[in-house]
Every structure is written in C-alpha cells, then in structure tokens.
Amino acid sequence: MSPPLKGLHLFNYRNFINRKEIFNSAHTLFKGRNAVGKTNLLEAISFLCPGTGFRKDVLQNFIFQEQENLKTHISFDFNHDDLENHLTIILSNKDERWTKQYFLNDKKIIQQKLLDIFQLFWFTEIDKVYFIRDAQYQSYLVY
C-alpha cells in the first residue's frame, strides 16, 4: 500500500536550507543522531492542520536564521480522492508582519480547508498525550 503523503520539501525551514523527503512505504521511520532535524520534519508535517506546528512556536522561528530571505516554504505531495495533489505553505515577513499562505495545486486556499483533506493523530510517548485534529473537533487532549 502506498502512503497518502508521498513527499515533503522544506526550503529555508528551521535547520534545513533545502531538504526533500520521499515516502515510498505506508510506514516511515525517522532515525538519526540528536539535533539533525527529525522533530523539525515532524513539525513541518504538523502544519497540515491549521496552527503553528505542534510545538506552537512563533512563525519567525521557523525561518533558517542564517538566511537573509525572510521567507520559507513547506511543500507536500499527497494523494486525496484518488488524485495526486501538491500543497505549499509559505511563511513570510512583509512590512514587519508574519503571514502564512496556503496553495493547493497552485490555487490559494484558506487554512481551514485543510481540515477537509487531512486528519492527523499525534502520540508522544514522553508526555503520554494523544492529540487529534479533524473537521468535527478542533482539538482535544486525552491523558
């Protein structure tokens, strides 16, 4: 079975200047030394639900700090309704104001529209917290 999320491209995001990941399997394991970006990859995926990532950070902290360009984008390739789709989320600073813009197949959409497409479930072993976002429930926690 092929995964619904086919790939991820990060540009100027956290510790990645230009990083592409392709998912070929129904299950993916991120493995590596400390501080190489595993959590940053997961946080980028968490942007598929409206919000500021699962760590709830401010937008300017997502930009790779050594870059002069105060803009980043996260792109996803995924299957939905048996069609291949492309979603890009752009975080940028214009006139001292941080914004997020969403483009589905190069057409601008509102972030709430993502709830019609993605339903994510997060489990963190350390905190024993379950987190879900979907169209019916914006969020709830079970301890």
N, C-alpha and C. Protein backbone atom coordinates (compact mmCIF):
# COMPACT_ATOMS: atom_id res chain seq x y z
N MET A 1 0.84 -1.18 0.00
CA MET A 1 0.00 0.00 0.00
C MET A 1 0.89 1.24 0.00
N SER A 2 0.63 2.17 -0.89
CA SER A 2 1.42 3.39 -0.94
C SER A 2 0.86 4.41 0.05
N PRO A 3 1.71 5.28 0.59
CA PRO A 3 1.25 6.23 1.60
C PRO A 3 0.49 7.39 0.97
N PRO A 4 -0.47 7.98 1.71
CA PRO A 4 -1.17 9.16 1.18
C PRO A 4 -0.22 10.35 1.04
N LEU A 5 0.72 10.51 1.99
CA LEU A 5 1.71 11.58 1.90
C LEU A 5 2.91 11.03 1.14
N LYS A 6 3.11 11.52 -0.08
CA LYS A 6 4.14 11.00 -0.98
C LYS A 6 5.51 11.64 -0.78
N GLY A 7 5.50 12.92 -0.40
CA GLY A 7 6.77 13.61 -0.26
C GLY A 7 6.63 14.94 0.45
N LEU A 8 7.78 15.47 0.82
CA LEU A 8 7.85 16.70 1.60
C LEU A 8 9.09 17.46 1.13
N HIS A 9 8.95 18.76 0.89
CA HIS A 9 10.08 19.59 0.51
C HIS A 9 10.11 20.79 1.45
N LEU A 10 11.23 20.99 2.12
CA LEU A 10 11.42 22.11 3.04
C LEU A 10 12.45 23.06 2.44
N PHE A 11 12.10 24.33 2.36
CA PHE A 11 13.02 25.34 1.86
C PHE A 11 13.17 26.43 2.91
N ASN A 12 14.42 26.62 3.38
CA ASN A 12 14.72 27.67 4.36
C ASN A 12 13.92 27.48 5.65
N TYR A 13 13.73 26.23 6.05
CA TYR A 13 12.89 25.88 7.19
C TYR A 13 13.75 25.31 8.32
N ARG A 14 13.71 25.96 9.48
CA ARG A 14 14.46 25.54 10.67
C ARG A 14 15.92 25.25 10.31
N ASN A 15 16.37 24.01 10.47
CA ASN A 15 17.78 23.70 10.19
C ASN A 15 18.01 23.21 8.76
N PHE A 16 17.00 23.30 7.90
CA PHE A 16 17.12 22.83 6.52
C PHE A 16 17.08 24.02 5.54
N ILE A 17 18.11 24.13 4.71
CA ILE A 17 18.08 25.14 3.67
C ILE A 17 17.25 24.64 2.50
N ASN A 18 17.44 23.37 2.13
CA ASN A 18 16.70 22.77 1.03
C ASN A 18 16.71 21.25 1.25
N ARG A 19 15.60 20.72 1.71
CA ARG A 19 15.53 19.29 2.06
C ARG A 19 14.30 18.66 1.42
N LYS A 20 14.50 17.53 0.74
CA LYS A 20 13.39 16.78 0.15
C LYS A 20 13.36 15.39 0.75
N GLU A 21 12.18 14.93 1.09
CA GLU A 21 11.96 13.57 1.57
C GLU A 21 10.88 12.95 0.70
N ILE A 22 11.09 11.71 0.30
CA ILE A 22 10.10 10.96 -0.47
C ILE A 22 9.68 9.76 0.36
N PHE A 23 8.37 9.55 0.47
CA PHE A 23 7.84 8.45 1.26
C PHE A 23 7.30 7.39 0.31
N ASN A 24 7.93 6.22 0.30
CA ASN A 24 7.56 5.13 -0.60
C ASN A 24 6.77 4.03 0.08
N SER A 25 6.67 4.08 1.38
CA SER A 25 6.07 2.99 2.14
C SER A 25 4.90 3.53 2.97
N ALA A 26 4.04 2.62 3.39
CA ALA A 26 2.91 3.03 4.24
C ALA A 26 3.39 3.49 5.61
N HIS A 27 4.58 3.07 6.03
CA HIS A 27 5.13 3.47 7.32
C HIS A 27 6.52 4.06 7.10
N THR A 28 6.80 5.14 7.82
CA THR A 28 8.10 5.80 7.70
C THR A 28 8.68 5.99 9.09
N LEU A 29 9.95 5.70 9.24
CA LEU A 29 10.66 5.88 10.49
C LEU A 29 11.75 6.92 10.28
N PHE A 30 11.76 7.96 11.12
CA PHE A 30 12.83 8.94 11.10
C PHE A 30 13.83 8.54 12.17
N LYS A 31 15.05 8.28 11.75
CA LYS A 31 16.08 7.81 12.66
C LYS A 31 17.34 8.63 12.43
N GLY A 32 18.01 9.04 13.51
CA GLY A 32 19.25 9.79 13.36
C GLY A 32 19.76 10.28 14.70
N ARG A 33 20.95 10.87 14.67
CA ARG A 33 21.54 11.43 15.88
C ARG A 33 20.70 12.59 16.39
N ASN A 34 21.01 13.05 17.58
CA ASN A 34 20.35 14.22 18.15
C ASN A 34 20.66 15.46 17.31
N ALA A 35 19.68 16.35 17.23
CA ALA A 35 19.84 17.67 16.60
C ALA A 35 20.13 17.61 15.10
N VAL A 36 19.58 16.62 14.39
CA VAL A 36 19.76 16.56 12.94
C VAL A 36 18.49 16.96 12.18
N GLY A 37 17.36 17.14 12.90
CA GLY A 37 16.15 17.63 12.26
C GLY A 37 14.96 16.69 12.23
N LYS A 38 15.00 15.58 12.97
CA LYS A 38 13.87 14.63 12.96
C LYS A 38 12.59 15.31 13.45
N THR A 39 12.67 16.03 14.55
CA THR A 39 11.49 16.72 15.08
C THR A 39 11.04 17.83 14.14
N ASN A 40 11.98 18.50 13.48
CA ASN A 40 11.61 19.55 12.52
C ASN A 40 10.83 18.98 11.35
N LEU A 41 11.18 17.77 10.88
CA LEU A 41 10.40 17.12 9.82
C LEU A 41 8.97 16.85 10.30
N LEU A 42 8.84 16.31 11.52
CA LEU A 42 7.51 16.04 12.06
C LEU A 42 6.71 17.32 12.26
N GLU A 43 7.39 18.36 12.72
CA GLU A 43 6.70 19.63 12.92
C GLU A 43 6.20 20.20 11.59
N ALA A 44 6.99 20.05 10.54
CA ALA A 44 6.55 20.51 9.21
C ALA A 44 5.29 19.76 8.79
N ILE A 45 5.26 18.47 9.04
CA ILE A 45 4.07 17.68 8.72
C ILE A 45 2.88 18.13 9.55
N SER A 46 3.12 18.57 10.78
CA SER A 46 2.01 19.02 11.64
C SER A 46 1.34 20.28 11.10
N PHE A 47 1.99 21.01 10.19
CA PHE A 47 1.36 22.18 9.57
C PHE A 47 0.22 21.79 8.63
N LEU A 48 0.03 20.50 8.37
CA LEU A 48 -1.12 20.08 7.57
C LEU A 48 -2.43 20.32 8.30
N CYS A 49 -2.38 20.56 9.59
CA CYS A 49 -3.54 21.01 10.35
C CYS A 49 -3.33 22.49 10.65
N PRO A 50 -4.40 23.28 10.66
CA PRO A 50 -4.25 24.70 10.96
C PRO A 50 -3.55 24.91 12.30
N GLY A 51 -2.70 25.91 12.36
CA GLY A 51 -2.00 26.23 13.59
C GLY A 51 -0.56 26.58 13.31
N THR A 52 0.24 26.54 14.36
CA THR A 52 1.64 26.92 14.24
C THR A 52 2.55 25.76 14.58
N GLY A 53 2.23 24.60 14.10
CA GLY A 53 3.05 23.43 14.38
C GLY A 53 2.75 22.88 15.76
N PHE A 54 3.12 21.64 16.01
CA PHE A 54 2.76 21.04 17.28
C PHE A 54 3.53 21.61 18.46
N ARG A 55 4.64 22.33 18.19
CA ARG A 55 5.38 22.97 19.28
C ARG A 55 4.86 24.37 19.57
N LYS A 56 3.91 24.85 18.77
CA LYS A 56 3.27 26.16 18.97
C LYS A 56 4.27 27.31 19.01
N ASP A 57 5.24 27.30 18.11
CA ASP A 57 6.27 28.32 18.06
C ASP A 57 5.79 29.52 17.25
N VAL A 58 6.46 30.65 17.40
CA VAL A 58 6.13 31.84 16.61
C VAL A 58 6.72 31.67 15.21
N LEU A 59 6.05 32.24 14.21
CA LEU A 59 6.40 31.99 12.81
C LEU A 59 7.85 32.35 12.47
N GLN A 60 8.37 33.45 13.03
CA GLN A 60 9.73 33.84 12.66
C GLN A 60 10.78 32.82 13.09
N ASN A 61 10.47 31.93 14.02
CA ASN A 61 11.42 30.91 14.44
C ASN A 61 11.49 29.73 13.48
N PHE A 62 10.63 29.68 12.48
CA PHE A 62 10.68 28.60 11.50
C PHE A 62 11.66 28.89 10.36
N ILE A 63 12.08 30.14 10.24
CA ILE A 63 12.99 30.54 9.17
C ILE A 63 14.41 30.13 9.55
N PHE A 64 15.15 29.58 8.58
CA PHE A 64 16.55 29.25 8.80
C PHE A 64 17.28 30.56 9.05
N GLN A 65 17.77 30.76 10.27
CA GLN A 65 18.23 32.06 10.73
C GLN A 65 19.41 32.66 9.97
N GLU A 66 20.22 31.85 9.31
CA GLU A 66 21.38 32.39 8.62
C GLU A 66 21.04 32.93 7.24
N GLN A 67 19.81 32.80 6.82
CA GLN A 67 19.41 33.28 5.50
C GLN A 67 18.91 34.72 5.58
N GLU A 68 19.23 35.51 4.57
CA GLU A 68 18.73 36.88 4.51
C GLU A 68 17.27 36.93 4.09
N ASN A 69 16.84 35.97 3.31
CA ASN A 69 15.47 35.92 2.81
C ASN A 69 14.53 35.49 3.93
N LEU A 70 13.68 36.39 4.39
CA LEU A 70 12.76 36.08 5.49
C LEU A 70 11.51 35.41 4.94
N LYS A 71 11.72 34.25 4.34
CA LYS A 71 10.61 33.51 3.74
C LYS A 71 10.98 32.03 3.77
N THR A 72 9.99 31.19 3.99
CA THR A 72 10.21 29.75 3.95
C THR A 72 9.00 29.10 3.31
N HIS A 73 9.19 27.91 2.78
CA HIS A 73 8.01 27.18 2.33
C HIS A 73 8.16 25.70 2.63
N ILE A 74 7.00 25.12 2.86
CA ILE A 74 6.87 23.68 3.09
C ILE A 74 5.94 23.18 2.00
N SER A 75 6.39 22.21 1.22
CA SER A 75 5.56 21.66 0.15
C SER A 75 5.32 20.18 0.40
N PHE A 76 4.11 19.75 0.10
CA PHE A 76 3.71 18.36 0.29
C PHE A 76 3.14 17.82 -1.01
N ASP A 77 3.50 16.60 -1.34
CA ASP A 77 2.85 15.87 -2.42
C ASP A 77 2.05 14.75 -1.76
N PHE A 78 0.78 14.63 -2.10
CA PHE A 78 -0.08 13.66 -1.43
C PHE A 78 -1.21 13.21 -2.34
N ASN A 79 -1.81 12.08 -1.99
CA ASN A 79 -2.99 11.58 -2.68
C ASN A 79 -4.22 11.90 -1.85
N HIS A 80 -5.27 12.34 -2.52
CA HIS A 80 -6.56 12.60 -1.88
C HIS A 80 -7.64 12.39 -2.92
N ASP A 81 -8.64 11.62 -2.57
CA ASP A 81 -9.73 11.28 -3.50
C ASP A 81 -9.17 10.69 -4.80
N ASP A 82 -8.17 9.82 -4.66
CA ASP A 82 -7.53 9.13 -5.78
C ASP A 82 -6.85 10.07 -6.78
N LEU A 83 -6.53 11.28 -6.34
CA LEU A 83 -5.83 12.24 -7.19
C LEU A 83 -4.52 12.64 -6.53
N GLU A 84 -3.50 12.91 -7.34
CA GLU A 84 -2.25 13.44 -6.81
C GLU A 84 -2.39 14.95 -6.66
N ASN A 85 -1.95 15.45 -5.51
CA ASN A 85 -2.09 16.87 -5.19
C ASN A 85 -0.77 17.43 -4.69
N HIS A 86 -0.68 18.75 -4.73
CA HIS A 86 0.51 19.45 -4.25
C HIS A 86 0.03 20.62 -3.38
N LEU A 87 0.53 20.67 -2.16
CA LEU A 87 0.19 21.75 -1.23
C LEU A 87 1.47 22.47 -0.85
N THR A 88 1.45 23.79 -0.89
CA THR A 88 2.58 24.60 -0.44
C THR A 88 2.09 25.57 0.63
N ILE A 89 2.85 25.62 1.72
CA ILE A 89 2.59 26.58 2.79
C ILE A 89 3.77 27.54 2.81
N ILE A 90 3.49 28.82 2.65
CA ILE A 90 4.54 29.83 2.62
C ILE A 90 4.44 30.69 3.87
N LEU A 91 5.54 30.78 4.61
CA LEU A 91 5.65 31.65 5.78
C LEU A 91 6.55 32.80 5.36
N SER A 92 6.09 34.03 5.52
CA SER A 92 6.90 35.16 5.07
C SER A 92 6.70 36.38 5.95
N ASN A 93 7.63 37.31 5.83
CA ASN A 93 7.59 38.56 6.57
C ASN A 93 7.52 39.70 5.57
N LYS A 94 6.46 40.46 5.66
CA LYS A 94 6.31 41.62 4.80
C LYS A 94 5.92 42.80 5.67
N ASP A 95 6.68 43.84 5.60
CA ASP A 95 6.43 45.04 6.41
C ASP A 95 6.31 44.72 7.89
N GLU A 96 7.26 43.90 8.39
CA GLU A 96 7.32 43.54 9.82
C GLU A 96 6.11 42.72 10.29
N ARG A 97 5.40 42.09 9.36
CA ARG A 97 4.24 41.27 9.71
C ARG A 97 4.42 39.87 9.13
N TRP A 98 4.31 38.85 9.99
CA TRP A 98 4.47 37.46 9.56
C TRP A 98 3.13 36.91 9.09
N THR A 99 3.16 36.21 7.96
CA THR A 99 1.94 35.64 7.41
C THR A 99 2.17 34.19 6.97
N LYS A 100 1.06 33.46 6.87
CA LYS A 100 1.04 32.10 6.32
C LYS A 100 0.06 32.09 5.16
N GLN A 101 0.49 31.53 4.04
CA GLN A 101 -0.39 31.40 2.89
C GLN A 101 -0.38 29.94 2.45
N TYR A 102 -1.54 29.46 2.01
CA TYR A 102 -1.71 28.06 1.60
C TYR A 102 -2.10 28.02 0.13
N PHE A 103 -1.43 27.13 -0.63
CA PHE A 103 -1.72 26.97 -2.05
C PHE A 103 -1.90 25.48 -2.33
N LEU A 104 -3.10 25.11 -2.76
CA LEU A 104 -3.40 23.73 -3.13
C LEU A 104 -3.43 23.66 -4.64
N ASN A 105 -2.51 22.88 -5.22
CA ASN A 105 -2.36 22.78 -6.67
C ASN A 105 -2.28 24.17 -7.31
N ASP A 106 -1.45 25.02 -6.69
CA ASP A 106 -1.15 26.39 -7.13
C ASP A 106 -2.33 27.36 -7.01
N LYS A 107 -3.38 26.97 -6.31
CA LYS A 107 -4.52 27.86 -6.09
C LYS A 107 -4.59 28.19 -4.60
N LYS A 108 -4.66 29.48 -4.28
CA LYS A 108 -4.69 29.91 -2.88
C LYS A 108 -5.96 29.41 -2.19
N ILE A 109 -5.79 28.86 -0.97
CA ILE A 109 -6.92 28.39 -0.18
C ILE A 109 -6.78 28.92 1.24
N ILE A 110 -7.86 28.86 2.02
CA ILE A 110 -7.79 29.22 3.43
C ILE A 110 -7.34 27.99 4.22
N GLN A 111 -6.68 28.23 5.35
CA GLN A 111 -6.11 27.12 6.11
C GLN A 111 -7.18 26.16 6.64
N GLN A 112 -8.37 26.63 6.94
CA GLN A 112 -9.42 25.74 7.44
C GLN A 112 -9.81 24.68 6.41
N LYS A 113 -9.57 24.95 5.14
CA LYS A 113 -9.86 23.98 4.08
C LYS A 113 -9.02 22.71 4.25
N LEU A 114 -7.87 22.84 4.92
CA LEU A 114 -7.02 21.66 5.14
C LEU A 114 -7.73 20.61 5.98
N LEU A 115 -8.64 21.03 6.85
CA LEU A 115 -9.36 20.07 7.68
C LEU A 115 -10.28 19.18 6.85
N ASP A 116 -10.62 19.61 5.65
CA ASP A 116 -11.42 18.77 4.75
C ASP A 116 -10.57 17.67 4.11
N ILE A 117 -9.25 17.85 4.17
CA ILE A 117 -8.35 16.93 3.48
C ILE A 117 -7.57 16.05 4.46
N PHE A 118 -7.03 16.67 5.52
CA PHE A 118 -6.13 15.97 6.43
C PHE A 118 -6.74 15.78 7.80
N GLN A 119 -6.54 14.62 8.36
CA GLN A 119 -6.87 14.33 9.75
C GLN A 119 -5.64 13.68 10.35
N LEU A 120 -5.04 14.37 11.31
CA LEU A 120 -3.78 13.90 11.88
C LEU A 120 -3.98 13.44 13.32
N PHE A 121 -3.21 12.46 13.71
CA PHE A 121 -3.23 11.94 15.07
C PHE A 121 -1.79 11.91 15.56
N TRP A 122 -1.55 12.52 16.70
CA TRP A 122 -0.20 12.57 17.27
C TRP A 122 -0.19 11.86 18.59
N PHE A 123 0.89 11.13 18.84
CA PHE A 123 1.10 10.48 20.13
C PHE A 123 2.54 10.72 20.53
N THR A 124 2.72 11.28 21.71
CA THR A 124 4.07 11.47 22.22
C THR A 124 4.25 10.61 23.45
N GLU A 125 5.15 9.68 23.37
CA GLU A 125 5.38 8.71 24.44
C GLU A 125 5.81 9.38 25.74
N ILE A 126 6.66 10.40 25.65
CA ILE A 126 7.20 11.05 26.85
C ILE A 126 6.09 11.67 27.68
N ASP A 127 5.20 12.41 27.04
CA ASP A 127 4.14 13.12 27.76
C ASP A 127 2.87 12.30 27.93
N LYS A 128 2.78 11.16 27.26
CA LYS A 128 1.56 10.36 27.28
C LYS A 128 0.35 11.21 26.87
N VAL A 129 0.51 11.98 25.84
CA VAL A 129 -0.55 12.86 25.37
C VAL A 129 -1.00 12.38 23.99
N TYR A 130 -2.29 12.27 23.80
CA TYR A 130 -2.86 11.98 22.49
C TYR A 130 -3.46 13.27 21.96
N PHE A 131 -3.25 13.54 20.71
CA PHE A 131 -3.73 14.78 20.11
C PHE A 131 -4.35 14.45 18.76
N ILE A 132 -5.52 14.98 18.52
CA ILE A 132 -6.16 14.76 17.23
C ILE A 132 -6.79 16.06 16.76
N ARG A 133 -6.73 16.28 15.47
CA ARG A 133 -7.44 17.40 14.87
C ARG A 133 -8.24 16.86 13.69
N ASP A 134 -9.48 17.21 13.63
CA ASP A 134 -10.26 16.88 12.45
C ASP A 134 -11.36 17.90 12.28
N ALA A 135 -12.17 17.74 11.28
CA ALA A 135 -13.18 18.75 10.95
C ALA A 135 -14.23 18.89 12.05
N GLN A 136 -14.50 17.83 12.78
CA GLN A 136 -15.54 17.89 13.79
C GLN A 136 -15.03 18.47 15.11
N TYR A 137 -13.82 18.08 15.51
CA TYR A 137 -13.25 18.54 16.77
C TYR A 137 -11.98 19.29 16.47
N GLN A 138 -11.93 20.59 16.79
CA GLN A 138 -10.73 21.35 16.51
C GLN A 138 -9.54 20.74 17.23
N SER A 139 -9.70 20.43 18.49
CA SER A 139 -8.63 19.70 19.19
C SER A 139 -9.17 19.20 20.52
N TYR A 140 -8.65 18.10 20.96
CA TYR A 140 -8.92 17.65 22.32
C TYR A 140 -7.76 16.78 22.78
N LEU A 141 -7.56 16.76 24.08
CA LEU A 141 -6.48 16.01 24.65
C LEU A 141 -7.04 14.93 25.56
N VAL A 142 -6.39 13.78 25.56
CA VAL A 142 -6.74 12.70 26.47
C VAL A 142 -5.45 12.30 27.18
N TYR A 143 -5.47 12.32 28.51
CA TYR A 143 -4.28 11.95 29.28
C TYR A 143 -4.41 10.57 29.83
